[in-house]
Amino acid sequence: MKQYSAKEVENLLTGEISLNIIDVREVDEVANGKIPGALHIPLGLLEFRMNELDQSKEYIMVCRSGARSGRATQFLESYGYRVINMSGGMLDWEGKVE
């Protein structure tokens, strides 16, 4: 499983590359802030909403600590999606939130 640190994701966001970030935390967790532009799909709904994702794009998965996003990464990889886990999750995030 490919992984980026929170700092690597933050640095990529400052570049000109458009990132596709999916936050798999629960609604109450996201209410406290998420990475700007991230799509919120709770882990429990990912199986039912993965049809909203484009298999030609690469996605960065985010959660609180990196564990749930790791499971989401493995799940989507098993269906042929290109996915990267953000290790450390929002606990390590020092960038802006919305």
C-alpha atoms as a PDB file:
ATOM      1  CA  MET A   1       0.000   0.000   0.000  1.00  0.00           C
ATOM      2  CA  LYS A   2       1.374   3.358  -1.054  1.00  0.00           C
ATOM      3  CA  GLN A   3       1.422   6.034   1.675  1.00  0.00           C
ATOM      4  CA  TYR A   4       2.079   9.739   2.039  1.00  0.00           C
ATOM      5  CA  SER A   5       2.700  11.533   5.303  1.00  0.00           C
ATOM      6  CA  ALA A   6       0.396  14.399   6.252  1.00  0.00           C
ATOM      7  CA  LYS A   7       3.255  16.812   5.506  1.00  0.00           C
ATOM      8  CA  GLU A   8       3.735  15.326   2.021  1.00  0.00           C
ATOM      9  CA  VAL A   9       0.021  15.802   1.266  1.00  0.00           C
ATOM     10  CA  GLU A  10       0.158  19.360   2.601  1.00  0.00           C
ATOM     11  CA  ASN A  11       3.156  20.097   0.357  1.00  0.00           C
ATOM     12  CA  LEU A  12       1.402  18.591  -2.667  1.00  0.00           C
ATOM     13  CA  LEU A  13      -1.621  20.828  -2.020  1.00  0.00           C
ATOM     14  CA  THR A  14       0.563  23.932  -2.326  1.00  0.00           C
ATOM     15  CA  GLY A  15       1.656  22.838  -5.805  1.00  0.00           C
ATOM     16  CA  GLU A  16      -0.215  23.069  -9.066  1.00  0.00           C
ATOM     17  CA  ILE A  17      -1.330  19.431  -9.009  1.00  0.00           C
ATOM     18  CA  SER A  18      -5.011  18.838  -8.351  1.00  0.00           C
ATOM     19  CA  LEU A  19      -5.447  16.249  -5.580  1.00  0.00           C
ATOM     20  CA  ASN A  20      -8.437  13.985  -5.054  1.00  0.00           C
ATOM     21  CA  ILE A  21      -8.766  13.558  -1.299  1.00  0.00           C
ATOM     22  CA  ILE A  22     -11.408  11.390   0.336  1.00  0.00           C
ATOM     23  CA  ASP A  23     -12.071  11.744   4.058  1.00  0.00           C
ATOM     24  CA  VAL A  24     -13.518   8.504   5.459  1.00  0.00           C
ATOM     25  CA  ARG A  25     -14.167   9.772   8.994  1.00  0.00           C
ATOM     26  CA  GLU A  26     -17.625   9.941  10.545  1.00  0.00           C
ATOM     27  CA  VAL A  27     -19.850  13.027  10.215  1.00  0.00           C
ATOM     28  CA  ASP A  28     -19.130  14.308  13.740  1.00  0.00           C
ATOM     29  CA  GLU A  29     -15.368  14.048  13.150  1.00  0.00           C
ATOM     30  CA  VAL A  30     -15.519  15.959   9.865  1.00  0.00           C
ATOM     31  CA  ALA A  31     -17.598  18.674  11.557  1.00  0.00           C
ATOM     32  CA  ASN A  32     -14.406  19.666  13.403  1.00  0.00           C
ATOM     33  CA  GLY A  33     -12.690  20.364  10.080  1.00  0.00           C
ATOM     34  CA  LYS A  34     -11.415  18.581   7.006  1.00  0.00           C
ATOM     35  CA  ILE A  35      -8.741  19.198   4.415  1.00  0.00           C
ATOM     36  CA  PRO A  36     -10.023  21.876   2.005  1.00  0.00           C
ATOM     37  CA  GLY A  37     -11.617  20.295  -1.049  1.00  0.00           C
ATOM     38  CA  ALA A  38     -11.733  16.784   0.405  1.00  0.00           C
ATOM     39  CA  LEU A  39     -14.750  14.657  -0.460  1.00  0.00           C
ATOM     40  CA  HIS A  40     -16.418  13.175   2.624  1.00  0.00           C
ATOM     41  CA  ILE A  41     -17.434   9.529   2.306  1.00  0.00           C
ATOM     42  CA  PRO A  42     -17.654   7.748   5.688  1.00  0.00           C
ATOM     43  CA  LEU A  43     -15.875   4.389   5.626  1.00  0.00           C
ATOM     44  CA  GLY A  44     -19.133   2.515   6.213  1.00  0.00           C
ATOM     45  CA  LEU A  45     -20.613   4.020   3.041  1.00  0.00           C
ATOM     46  CA  LEU A  46     -17.571   3.635   0.796  1.00  0.00           C
ATOM     47  CA  GLU A  47     -18.715   0.328  -0.683  1.00  0.00           C
ATOM     48  CA  PHE A  48     -22.030   1.917  -1.693  1.00  0.00           C
ATOM     49  CA  ARG A  49     -20.561   5.168  -3.006  1.00  0.00           C
ATOM     50  CA  MET A  50     -17.433   3.974  -4.806  1.00  0.00           C
ATOM     51  CA  ASN A  51     -19.361   4.249  -8.081  1.00  0.00           C
ATOM     52  CA  GLU A  52     -18.997   8.046  -7.615  1.00  0.00           C
ATOM     53  CA  LEU A  53     -15.226   7.679  -8.027  1.00  0.00           C
ATOM     54  CA  ASP A  54     -13.361   7.759 -11.330  1.00  0.00           C
ATOM     55  CA  GLN A  55     -10.993   4.792 -11.715  1.00  0.00           C
ATOM     56  CA  SER A  56      -8.740   6.861 -13.985  1.00  0.00           C
ATOM     57  CA  LYS A  57      -7.929   9.227 -11.086  1.00  0.00           C
ATOM     58  CA  GLU A  58      -5.679   8.757  -8.083  1.00  0.00           C
ATOM     59  CA  TYR A  59      -7.164   9.254  -4.618  1.00  0.00           C
ATOM     60  CA  ILE A  60      -5.621  10.068  -1.249  1.00  0.00           C
ATOM     61  CA  MET A  61      -7.523   8.539   1.648  1.00  0.00           C
ATOM     62  CA  VAL A  62      -7.692  10.364   5.006  1.00  0.00           C
ATOM     63  CA  CYS A  63      -9.076   9.535   8.456  1.00  0.00           C
ATOM     64  CA  ARG A  64      -8.262  10.436  12.065  1.00  0.00           C
ATOM     65  CA  SER A  65      -5.083   8.370  12.501  1.00  0.00           C
ATOM     66  CA  GLY A  66      -4.497   6.490   9.248  1.00  0.00           C
ATOM     67  CA  ALA A  67      -6.033   3.130  10.214  1.00  0.00           C
ATOM     68  CA  ARG A  68      -9.496   3.506   8.652  1.00  0.00           C
ATOM     69  CA  SER A  69      -8.056   5.198   5.593  1.00  0.00           C
ATOM     70  CA  GLY A  70      -5.650   2.260   5.312  1.00  0.00           C
ATOM     71  CA  ARG A  71      -8.606  -0.138   5.235  1.00  0.00           C
ATOM     72  CA  ALA A  72     -10.332   2.101   2.678  1.00  0.00           C
ATOM     73  CA  THR A  73      -7.155   2.122   0.576  1.00  0.00           C
ATOM     74  CA  GLN A  74      -6.924  -1.677   0.589  1.00  0.00           C
ATOM     75  CA  PHE A  75     -10.635  -1.992  -0.213  1.00  0.00           C
ATOM     76  CA  LEU A  76     -10.517   0.370  -3.195  1.00  0.00           C
ATOM     77  CA  GLU A  77      -7.232  -1.143  -4.450  1.00  0.00           C
ATOM     78  CA  SER A  78      -8.966  -4.528  -4.547  1.00  0.00           C
ATOM     79  CA  TYR A  79     -11.409  -3.013  -7.064  1.00  0.00           C
ATOM     80  CA  GLY A  80      -8.669  -1.547  -9.238  1.00  0.00           C
ATOM     81  CA  TYR A  81      -8.615   2.031  -7.950  1.00  0.00           C
ATOM     82  CA  ARG A  82      -5.326   3.930  -7.605  1.00  0.00           C
ATOM     83  CA  VAL A  83      -5.253   4.923  -3.956  1.00  0.00           C
ATOM     84  CA  ILE A  84      -2.738   6.331  -1.456  1.00  0.00           C
ATOM     85  CA  ASN A  85      -3.176   6.304   2.310  1.00  0.00           C
ATOM     86  CA  MET A  86      -2.288   9.420   4.326  1.00  0.00           C
ATOM     87  CA  SER A  87      -0.431   7.919   7.276  1.00  0.00           C
ATOM     88  CA  GLY A  88      -0.942   9.620  10.618  1.00  0.00           C
ATOM     89  CA  GLY A  89      -4.281  11.005   9.466  1.00  0.00           C
ATOM     90  CA  MET A  90      -5.727  14.258  10.733  1.00  0.00           C
ATOM     91  CA  LEU A  91      -3.859  13.821  14.025  1.00  0.00           C
ATOM     92  CA  ASP A  92      -0.677  14.688  12.071  1.00  0.00           C
ATOM     93  CA  TRP A  93      -2.304  17.321   9.814  1.00  0.00           C
ATOM     94  CA  GLU A  94      -0.909  20.819  10.354  1.00  0.00           C
ATOM     95  CA  GLY A  95      -2.369  22.466   7.255  1.00  0.00           C
ATOM     96  CA  LYS A  96      -5.554  24.422   6.732  1.00  0.00           C
ATOM     97  CA  VAL A  97      -8.969  22.937   7.415  1.00  0.00           C
ATOM     98  CA  GLU A  98     -12.459  23.911   6.292  1.00  0.00           C
END
